[in-house]
Amino acid sequence: MNPLLKRLQALRGNVAPTDPGPAPQSGLHDAAGQLGAQLRQHPEHGTHFELRETMPPETTYGTVPLGRPHLHPLLLDERTAPAPKVLYVDTETTGLSGGTGTLAFLIGAGLHGPDGFEVRQLFLPGPEHEAAQLQAFAALARDASAVVTYNGGSFDLPLLRNRFALQGLDDPLYGVPHLDLLPLARRLWRGTLPDCSLATVERFVLGKRRAGTDVPGREVPARYAGWLRSRESALLMGVLEHNVNDIAAMSALRHYLEELLEDPARGRPAEQHGLGLWLERLGRTGEALERLLHAARARPEAAWQASLLLKRSGRLGEAAELWRSLGRQGMVAAWVELAKLHEHRERDYAAALEAAEAAVQANGRPDAELNRRRERLLRRLAQAGYSAE
């Protein structure tokens, strides 16, 4: 059957009879069996389904390994020692807005262990069983030293926090250091990739293209609604696959970022540039400058930011070299900085005037501030007995 037709049928909540898999059966045991899940019963809270998938330690996602248990402390802004229990969290929900009525019908949790990288999926067979699902997740999250998400700071974690509160349960991730990979991805790849969605980043950075059976996120709520009506497992197989892929991609992306952090010469210019700005924000000036200077060879913006960092560090000679190079490339601000250096630090008004004239020429249109600087320098030279000829 045409894959597009299958997806359209899934969105309507039905599957063609020629699709493989058992016919719908009544009962939670049968529903769990169709999904390849274990049925977990809780006398006080209801029932949830649990699925597990373990990937061996040597597994790669695309071209990048899935990483190691301990999280690099820089990724958490050095707020903690290397985290020994890192929990990767991704949810699939009944809506994309994250409001009070939105349920996380699937909570995926990834953990590094002795046998490799394990993804455990906690599935909600009906809204009345939510407390059981949340209790199971709380047990998984116990003693987590860090949680990793992709856009989880804006969506997944607030949603889970809300669901725990509505069920009268404590949030197991309260106070746990959180690494949201999306802001870092934007720092490194905004402007060089079509967008910074996880699917785009994994395609261009991790070298991974998902199979056609992976379900786009926008289709997920309709598929769960269809499953609640029909208990047809085929509706959810692609959703489960999508969730596992998201969690594996986060682990590989974290590993990729850690390799960039550990090797100053590694990475594309845009990545070096983004890391440099991020390290500067953390106050790690020396490391930031090293990354910016690597990126400066290919990115004038990185050279400019490196020059400002050199200026703040008192390394004016090195900053001036960058300003001259950038000025020759037509950057007005670089000529202005050079003029300031010559005028205020060196009292070399002739050199300052030369830089100011270059700024006027590079600007290409009248500018009151540049004209005032030029006139002031001409007056100072005249007072000193120099001719502007």
Protein backbone atom coordinates (compact mmCIF):
# COMPACT_ATOMS: atom_id res chain seq x y z
CA MET A 1 0.00 0.00 0.00
CA ASN A 2 1.16 3.55 -0.75
CA PRO A 3 2.82 4.98 2.42
CA LEU A 4 0.91 8.27 2.08
CA LEU A 5 -2.42 6.40 1.88
CA LYS A 6 -1.50 4.40 4.98
CA ARG A 7 -0.76 7.59 6.89
CA LEU A 8 -4.05 9.18 5.81
CA GLN A 9 -5.92 6.10 6.97
CA ALA A 10 -4.08 6.21 10.28
CA LEU A 11 -5.11 9.82 10.82
CA ARG A 12 -8.75 8.78 10.35
CA GLY A 13 -8.28 6.08 12.94
CA ASN A 14 -8.41 3.04 10.69
CA VAL A 15 -5.97 0.76 8.92
CA ALA A 16 -6.45 -1.20 5.71
CA PRO A 17 -7.33 -4.85 6.33
CA THR A 18 -4.37 -5.92 4.24
CA ASP A 19 -1.94 -4.42 6.80
CA PRO A 20 -0.06 -7.05 8.82
CA GLY A 21 -0.72 -7.61 12.50
CA PRO A 22 -3.50 -9.15 14.56
CA ALA A 23 -7.05 -7.88 14.41
CA PRO A 24 -8.22 -5.63 17.27
CA GLN A 25 -8.91 -7.51 20.49
CA SER A 26 -10.61 -6.44 23.68
CA GLY A 27 -8.82 -6.09 27.00
CA LEU A 28 -5.66 -4.37 28.11
CA HIS A 29 -3.64 -7.61 28.04
CA ASP A 30 -4.41 -8.07 24.36
CA ALA A 31 -3.72 -4.39 23.60
CA ALA A 32 -0.35 -4.56 25.36
CA GLY A 33 0.54 -7.75 23.52
CA GLN A 34 -0.22 -6.17 20.15
CA LEU A 35 2.17 -3.32 20.95
CA GLY A 36 4.89 -5.66 22.19
CA ALA A 37 4.57 -4.13 25.66
CA GLN A 38 4.47 -5.47 29.18
CA LEU A 39 1.32 -4.77 31.17
CA ARG A 40 2.15 -3.22 34.55
CA GLN A 41 -0.66 -3.14 37.09
CA HIS A 42 -0.80 -0.94 40.18
CA PRO A 43 -3.54 -1.82 42.68
CA GLU A 44 -4.04 1.79 43.73
CA HIS A 45 -3.26 3.72 40.56
CA GLY A 46 -4.33 1.66 37.54
CA THR A 47 -2.28 0.24 34.68
CA HIS A 48 0.38 1.27 32.23
CA PHE A 49 2.21 -0.43 29.38
CA GLU A 50 5.99 -0.59 29.31
CA LEU A 51 8.26 -1.17 26.31
CA ARG A 52 12.05 -1.55 26.41
CA GLU A 53 14.71 -1.34 23.76
CA THR A 54 18.42 -1.75 24.50
CA MET A 55 21.07 -0.60 22.05
CA PRO A 56 24.56 -2.11 22.46
CA PRO A 57 27.39 0.22 23.59
CA GLU A 58 28.91 0.37 20.10
CA THR A 59 25.64 1.57 18.50
CA THR A 60 25.78 4.74 16.42
CA TYR A 61 22.92 7.04 15.50
CA GLY A 62 23.69 8.03 11.95
CA THR A 63 27.47 8.46 12.10
CA VAL A 64 27.73 9.45 15.78
CA PRO A 65 28.05 7.13 18.81
CA LEU A 66 25.36 7.23 21.46
CA GLY A 67 27.86 8.45 24.03
CA ARG A 68 28.72 7.53 27.58
CA PRO A 69 27.03 7.68 30.99
CA HIS A 70 28.77 10.72 32.47
CA LEU A 71 27.70 14.15 31.28
CA HIS A 72 30.35 16.80 30.63
CA PRO A 73 29.92 19.43 33.38
CA LEU A 74 30.29 22.33 30.94
CA LEU A 75 27.03 21.31 29.30
CA LEU A 76 25.33 22.11 32.60
CA ASP A 77 27.21 25.42 32.98
CA GLU A 78 29.43 23.65 35.54
CA ARG A 79 26.58 23.53 38.05
CA THR A 80 27.37 19.94 38.91
CA ALA A 81 30.12 17.35 38.79
CA PRO A 82 30.05 14.94 35.83
CA ALA A 83 26.56 13.53 36.10
CA PRO A 84 26.54 9.73 36.63
CA LYS A 85 22.82 9.14 35.95
CA VAL A 86 21.67 11.07 32.92
CA LEU A 87 18.01 10.73 32.03
CA TYR A 88 16.88 11.57 28.48
CA VAL A 89 13.20 12.48 28.36
CA ASP A 90 10.81 12.90 25.45
CA THR A 91 7.01 12.83 25.49
CA GLU A 92 4.32 12.19 22.91
CA THR A 93 1.13 14.02 23.76
CA THR A 94 -2.57 14.35 22.98
CA GLY A 95 -2.02 17.93 21.79
CA LEU A 96 0.77 20.24 20.72
CA SER A 97 -0.20 23.25 22.87
CA GLY A 98 0.75 21.78 26.24
CA GLY A 99 -2.35 23.11 28.04
CA THR A 100 -4.02 21.63 31.12
CA GLY A 101 -6.03 19.19 29.03
CA THR A 102 -2.98 17.78 27.27
CA LEU A 103 -1.82 14.33 28.39
CA ALA A 104 1.60 12.77 27.87
CA PHE A 105 0.28 9.44 26.62
CA LEU A 106 3.84 8.22 26.02
CA ILE A 107 6.83 9.10 28.19
CA GLY A 108 10.14 7.92 26.79
CA ALA A 109 13.17 7.74 29.06
CA GLY A 110 16.71 6.88 27.97
CA LEU A 111 19.49 5.73 30.29
CA HIS A 112 23.06 4.56 29.78
CA GLY A 113 23.71 1.24 31.47
CA PRO A 114 26.17 -1.65 31.54
CA ASP A 115 24.45 -3.30 28.55
CA GLY A 116 24.30 -0.16 26.44
CA PHE A 117 21.70 2.56 25.98
CA GLU A 118 18.23 1.57 27.11
CA VAL A 119 15.02 3.34 26.13
CA ARG A 120 11.99 2.63 28.29
CA GLN A 121 8.60 3.80 27.10
CA LEU A 122 5.69 4.24 29.49
CA PHE A 123 2.42 4.16 27.57
CA LEU A 124 -0.95 5.36 28.84
CA PRO A 125 -3.77 2.96 27.82
CA GLY A 126 -6.41 5.50 28.89
CA PRO A 127 -6.65 8.79 30.80
CA GLU A 128 -7.93 7.01 33.90
CA HIS A 129 -4.54 5.26 34.23
CA GLU A 130 -2.38 8.39 34.29
CA ALA A 131 -1.37 8.08 37.95
CA ALA A 132 0.08 4.63 37.29
CA GLN A 133 2.12 5.88 34.34
CA LEU A 134 3.44 8.88 36.29
CA GLN A 135 4.38 6.72 39.27
CA ALA A 136 6.35 4.46 36.96
CA PHE A 137 8.18 7.45 35.51
CA ALA A 138 8.94 8.78 38.99
CA ALA A 139 10.59 5.47 39.83
CA LEU A 140 12.72 5.69 36.67
CA ALA A 141 13.73 9.26 37.43
CA ARG A 142 14.69 8.60 41.04
CA ASP A 143 18.28 9.72 41.80
CA ALA A 144 18.75 11.22 38.33
CA SER A 145 21.68 13.65 38.45
CA ALA A 146 20.77 15.37 35.15
CA VAL A 147 17.92 15.39 32.64
CA VAL A 148 18.44 15.97 28.91
CA THR A 149 15.69 17.11 26.53
CA TYR A 150 15.24 18.80 23.17
CA ASN A 151 12.94 21.78 23.72
CA GLY A 152 11.98 20.21 27.03
CA GLY A 153 12.40 23.46 28.90
CA SER A 154 9.45 24.92 26.99
CA PHE A 155 7.32 21.83 26.50
CA ASP A 156 8.06 18.40 27.97
CA LEU A 157 9.12 19.30 31.50
CA PRO A 158 6.41 21.92 32.17
CA LEU A 159 3.83 19.46 30.81
CA LEU A 160 5.03 16.66 33.10
CA ARG A 161 5.23 19.06 36.05
CA ASN A 162 1.60 20.00 35.41
CA ARG A 163 0.46 16.38 35.11
CA PHE A 164 2.17 15.41 38.38
CA ALA A 165 0.55 18.37 40.13
CA LEU A 166 -2.91 17.50 38.80
CA GLN A 167 -2.51 13.95 40.10
CA GLY A 168 -1.32 15.22 43.51
CA LEU A 169 2.13 13.69 43.01
CA ASP A 170 5.60 15.14 43.56
CA ASP A 171 7.57 16.08 40.45
CA PRO A 172 10.57 13.68 40.39
CA LEU A 173 12.62 16.11 38.29
CA TYR A 174 12.23 19.09 40.61
CA GLY A 175 15.69 20.57 41.22
CA VAL A 176 17.44 18.15 38.84
CA PRO A 177 19.93 20.01 36.57
CA HIS A 178 18.47 20.25 33.08
CA LEU A 179 20.25 20.35 29.73
CA ASP A 180 17.98 21.50 26.92
CA LEU A 181 19.85 20.80 23.69
CA LEU A 182 17.71 23.12 21.55
CA PRO A 183 19.29 26.43 22.69
CA LEU A 184 22.76 24.99 22.10
CA ALA A 185 21.72 23.75 18.66
CA ARG A 186 20.50 27.24 17.81
CA ARG A 187 23.81 28.74 18.91
CA LEU A 188 25.76 26.37 16.69
CA TRP A 189 23.59 25.96 13.60
CA ARG A 190 21.12 28.83 13.32
CA GLY A 191 21.71 30.43 9.94
CA THR A 192 23.57 27.44 8.51
CA LEU A 193 20.74 24.87 8.62
CA PRO A 194 17.19 25.27 7.26
CA ASP A 195 15.94 25.18 10.86
CA CYS A 196 16.99 23.72 14.22
CA SER A 197 14.34 21.04 14.60
CA LEU A 198 15.74 17.78 15.89
CA ALA A 199 15.01 16.04 12.58
CA THR A 200 16.99 18.68 10.68
CA VAL A 201 19.93 18.65 13.09
CA GLU A 202 20.19 14.88 13.04
CA ARG A 203 20.07 14.83 9.25
CA PHE A 204 22.80 17.44 8.68
CA VAL A 205 24.93 16.98 11.81
CA LEU A 206 24.47 13.36 12.86
CA GLY A 207 24.12 11.99 9.34
CA LYS A 208 20.81 10.26 10.05
CA ARG A 209 17.72 10.03 7.86
CA ARG A 210 14.72 8.47 9.53
CA ALA A 211 12.81 5.63 7.91
CA GLY A 212 9.47 6.29 6.28
CA THR A 213 7.73 4.43 9.10
CA ASP A 214 8.69 7.17 11.57
CA VAL A 215 5.60 9.31 12.24
CA PRO A 216 5.89 13.12 12.10
CA GLY A 217 5.04 14.79 15.39
CA ARG A 218 2.02 16.62 13.97
CA GLU A 219 0.28 13.28 13.31
CA VAL A 220 0.85 11.84 16.78
CA PRO A 221 -2.28 13.11 18.63
CA ALA A 222 -4.65 11.80 15.93
CA ARG A 223 -3.01 8.38 15.99
CA TYR A 224 -3.43 8.04 19.74
CA ALA A 225 -7.07 9.11 19.48
CA GLY A 226 -7.56 6.47 16.78
CA TRP A 227 -5.90 3.82 18.95
CA LEU A 228 -8.21 4.62 21.88
CA ARG A 229 -11.18 3.95 19.58
CA SER A 230 -9.89 0.85 17.81
CA ARG A 231 -7.03 -0.62 19.89
CA GLU A 232 -5.31 -1.17 16.53
CA SER A 233 -1.58 -1.48 17.21
CA ALA A 234 -0.56 -0.46 13.67
CA LEU A 235 -1.64 3.10 14.46
CA LEU A 236 1.05 3.47 17.12
CA MET A 237 4.06 1.56 15.80
CA GLY A 238 5.43 4.61 14.01
CA VAL A 239 4.79 6.78 17.09
CA LEU A 240 6.78 4.41 19.29
CA GLU A 241 9.58 4.39 16.70
CA HIS A 242 9.53 8.20 16.53
CA ASN A 243 9.91 8.45 20.31
CA VAL A 244 12.85 6.01 20.41
CA ASN A 245 14.54 7.92 17.59
CA ASP A 246 14.14 11.25 19.39
CA ILE A 247 15.77 9.88 22.54
CA ALA A 248 18.63 8.18 20.68
CA ALA A 249 19.22 11.37 18.69
CA MET A 250 19.53 13.38 21.91
CA SER A 251 22.16 11.02 23.26
CA ALA A 252 24.17 11.14 20.01
CA LEU A 253 23.86 14.92 19.82
CA ARG A 254 25.10 15.27 23.38
CA HIS A 255 28.10 13.08 22.47
CA TYR A 256 28.78 15.24 19.40
CA LEU A 257 28.75 18.41 21.52
CA GLU A 258 31.08 16.89 24.08
CA GLU A 259 33.58 15.99 21.37
CA LEU A 260 33.50 19.60 20.20
CA LEU A 261 34.16 20.77 23.76
CA GLU A 262 37.06 18.41 24.28
CA ASP A 263 38.90 19.20 21.03
CA PRO A 264 39.43 22.94 20.37
CA ALA A 265 40.28 22.31 16.71
CA ARG A 266 37.24 20.15 16.02
CA GLY A 267 34.11 21.31 14.28
CA ARG A 268 32.92 23.50 11.45
CA PRO A 269 33.52 27.28 11.63
CA ALA A 270 29.88 27.95 12.53
CA GLU A 271 30.12 25.42 15.37
CA GLN A 272 33.37 26.94 16.65
CA HIS A 273 31.76 30.36 16.51
CA GLY A 274 28.69 29.29 18.47
CA LEU A 275 30.76 27.46 21.06
CA GLY A 276 33.01 30.48 21.46
CA LEU A 277 30.07 32.76 22.24
CA TRP A 278 28.63 30.20 24.64
CA LEU A 279 31.96 29.72 26.46
CA GLU A 280 32.33 33.48 26.72
CA ARG A 281 28.93 33.65 28.41
CA LEU A 282 30.18 31.06 30.90
CA GLY A 283 33.17 33.29 31.68
CA ARG A 284 35.70 30.92 30.10
CA THR A 285 37.47 33.67 28.19
CA GLY A 286 40.57 31.77 27.09
CA GLU A 287 38.62 28.83 25.67
CA ALA A 288 36.10 31.17 24.06
CA LEU A 289 38.84 33.14 22.34
CA GLU A 290 40.47 29.97 21.04
CA ARG A 291 37.21 28.87 19.41
CA LEU A 292 36.46 32.31 17.98
CA LEU A 293 39.93 32.59 16.46
CA HIS A 294 39.52 29.19 14.82
CA ALA A 295 36.20 30.34 13.35
CA ALA A 296 37.61 33.76 12.39
CA ARG A 297 39.44 32.29 9.41
CA ALA A 298 36.12 31.65 7.68
CA ARG A 299 33.63 33.91 9.48
CA PRO A 300 34.13 37.68 9.75
CA GLU A 301 31.52 37.82 12.54
CA ALA A 302 33.66 35.49 14.63
CA ALA A 303 36.75 37.59 13.92
CA TRP A 304 34.89 40.70 15.07
CA GLN A 305 33.75 39.08 18.31
CA ALA A 306 37.27 37.72 18.89
CA SER A 307 38.63 41.24 18.45
CA LEU A 308 36.27 42.62 21.08
CA LEU A 309 37.24 39.84 23.47
CA LEU A 310 40.92 40.60 22.87
CA LYS A 311 40.20 44.27 23.55
CA ARG A 312 38.50 43.47 26.87
CA SER A 313 41.47 41.26 27.76
CA GLY A 314 43.93 44.12 27.12
CA ARG A 315 45.48 42.43 24.08
CA LEU A 316 45.14 45.50 21.90
CA GLY A 317 47.88 44.68 19.41
CA GLU A 318 46.19 41.41 18.45
CA ALA A 319 42.81 43.13 18.33
CA ALA A 320 44.22 45.79 16.00
CA GLU A 321 45.45 43.15 13.57
CA LEU A 322 41.94 41.74 13.33
CA TRP A 323 40.45 45.23 12.92
CA ARG A 324 42.81 45.97 10.03
CA SER A 325 41.90 42.72 8.32
CA LEU A 326 38.17 43.28 8.85
CA GLY A 327 38.46 46.89 7.74
CA ARG A 328 40.03 45.80 4.48
CA GLN A 329 36.99 43.56 4.04
CA GLY A 330 34.74 46.62 4.32
CA MET A 331 33.68 46.50 7.98
CA VAL A 332 33.10 50.09 9.11
CA ALA A 333 33.03 49.21 12.82
CA ALA A 334 36.54 47.71 12.57
CA TRP A 335 37.97 50.97 11.17
CA VAL A 336 36.20 52.89 13.95
CA GLU A 337 37.75 50.67 16.64
CA LEU A 338 41.15 51.18 15.05
CA ALA A 339 40.61 54.96 15.00
CA LYS A 340 39.67 54.90 18.70
CA LEU A 341 42.79 52.91 19.54
CA HIS A 342 45.10 55.31 17.71
CA GLU A 343 43.39 58.43 19.07
CA HIS A 344 42.75 57.59 22.71
CA ARG A 345 45.43 55.04 23.56
CA GLU A 346 48.34 55.88 21.30
CA ARG A 347 47.67 59.61 20.69
CA ASP A 348 48.61 58.95 17.07
CA TYR A 349 46.16 61.36 15.45
CA ALA A 350 47.49 60.87 11.94
CA ALA A 351 46.90 57.09 12.11
CA ALA A 352 43.51 57.72 13.74
CA LEU A 353 42.54 60.07 10.91
CA GLU A 354 43.62 57.50 8.34
CA ALA A 355 41.37 54.89 9.98
CA ALA A 356 38.50 57.37 10.26
CA GLU A 357 38.81 58.26 6.56
CA ALA A 358 38.76 54.56 5.72
CA ALA A 359 35.59 54.18 7.80
CA VAL A 360 33.93 57.04 5.92
CA GLN A 361 34.88 55.48 2.60
CA ALA A 362 33.72 51.99 3.63
CA ASN A 363 30.41 53.36 4.92
CA GLY A 364 29.59 54.75 1.49
CA ARG A 365 27.03 57.29 2.71
CA PRO A 366 26.99 60.38 4.97
CA ASP A 367 27.26 59.59 8.67
CA ALA A 368 27.18 62.34 11.27
CA GLU A 369 29.17 60.44 13.89
CA LEU A 370 31.95 59.53 11.45
CA ASN A 371 32.09 63.11 10.21
CA ARG A 372 32.40 64.45 13.78
CA ARG A 373 35.25 62.03 14.46
CA ARG A 374 37.03 63.06 11.27
CA GLU A 375 36.62 66.82 11.99
CA ARG A 376 37.87 66.39 15.55
CA LEU A 377 40.98 64.59 14.38
CA LEU A 378 41.65 67.25 11.76
CA ARG A 379 41.49 69.94 14.47
CA ARG A 380 43.86 68.02 16.71
CA LEU A 381 46.34 67.58 13.90
CA ALA A 382 46.10 71.27 13.04
CA GLN A 383 46.74 72.22 16.67
CA ALA A 384 49.78 69.97 16.64
CA GLY A 385 51.10 71.65 13.54
CA TYR A 386 50.35 68.84 11.10
CA SER A 387 48.88 69.37 7.68
CA ALA A 388 46.03 67.23 6.40
CA GLU A 389 47.55 67.32 2.90
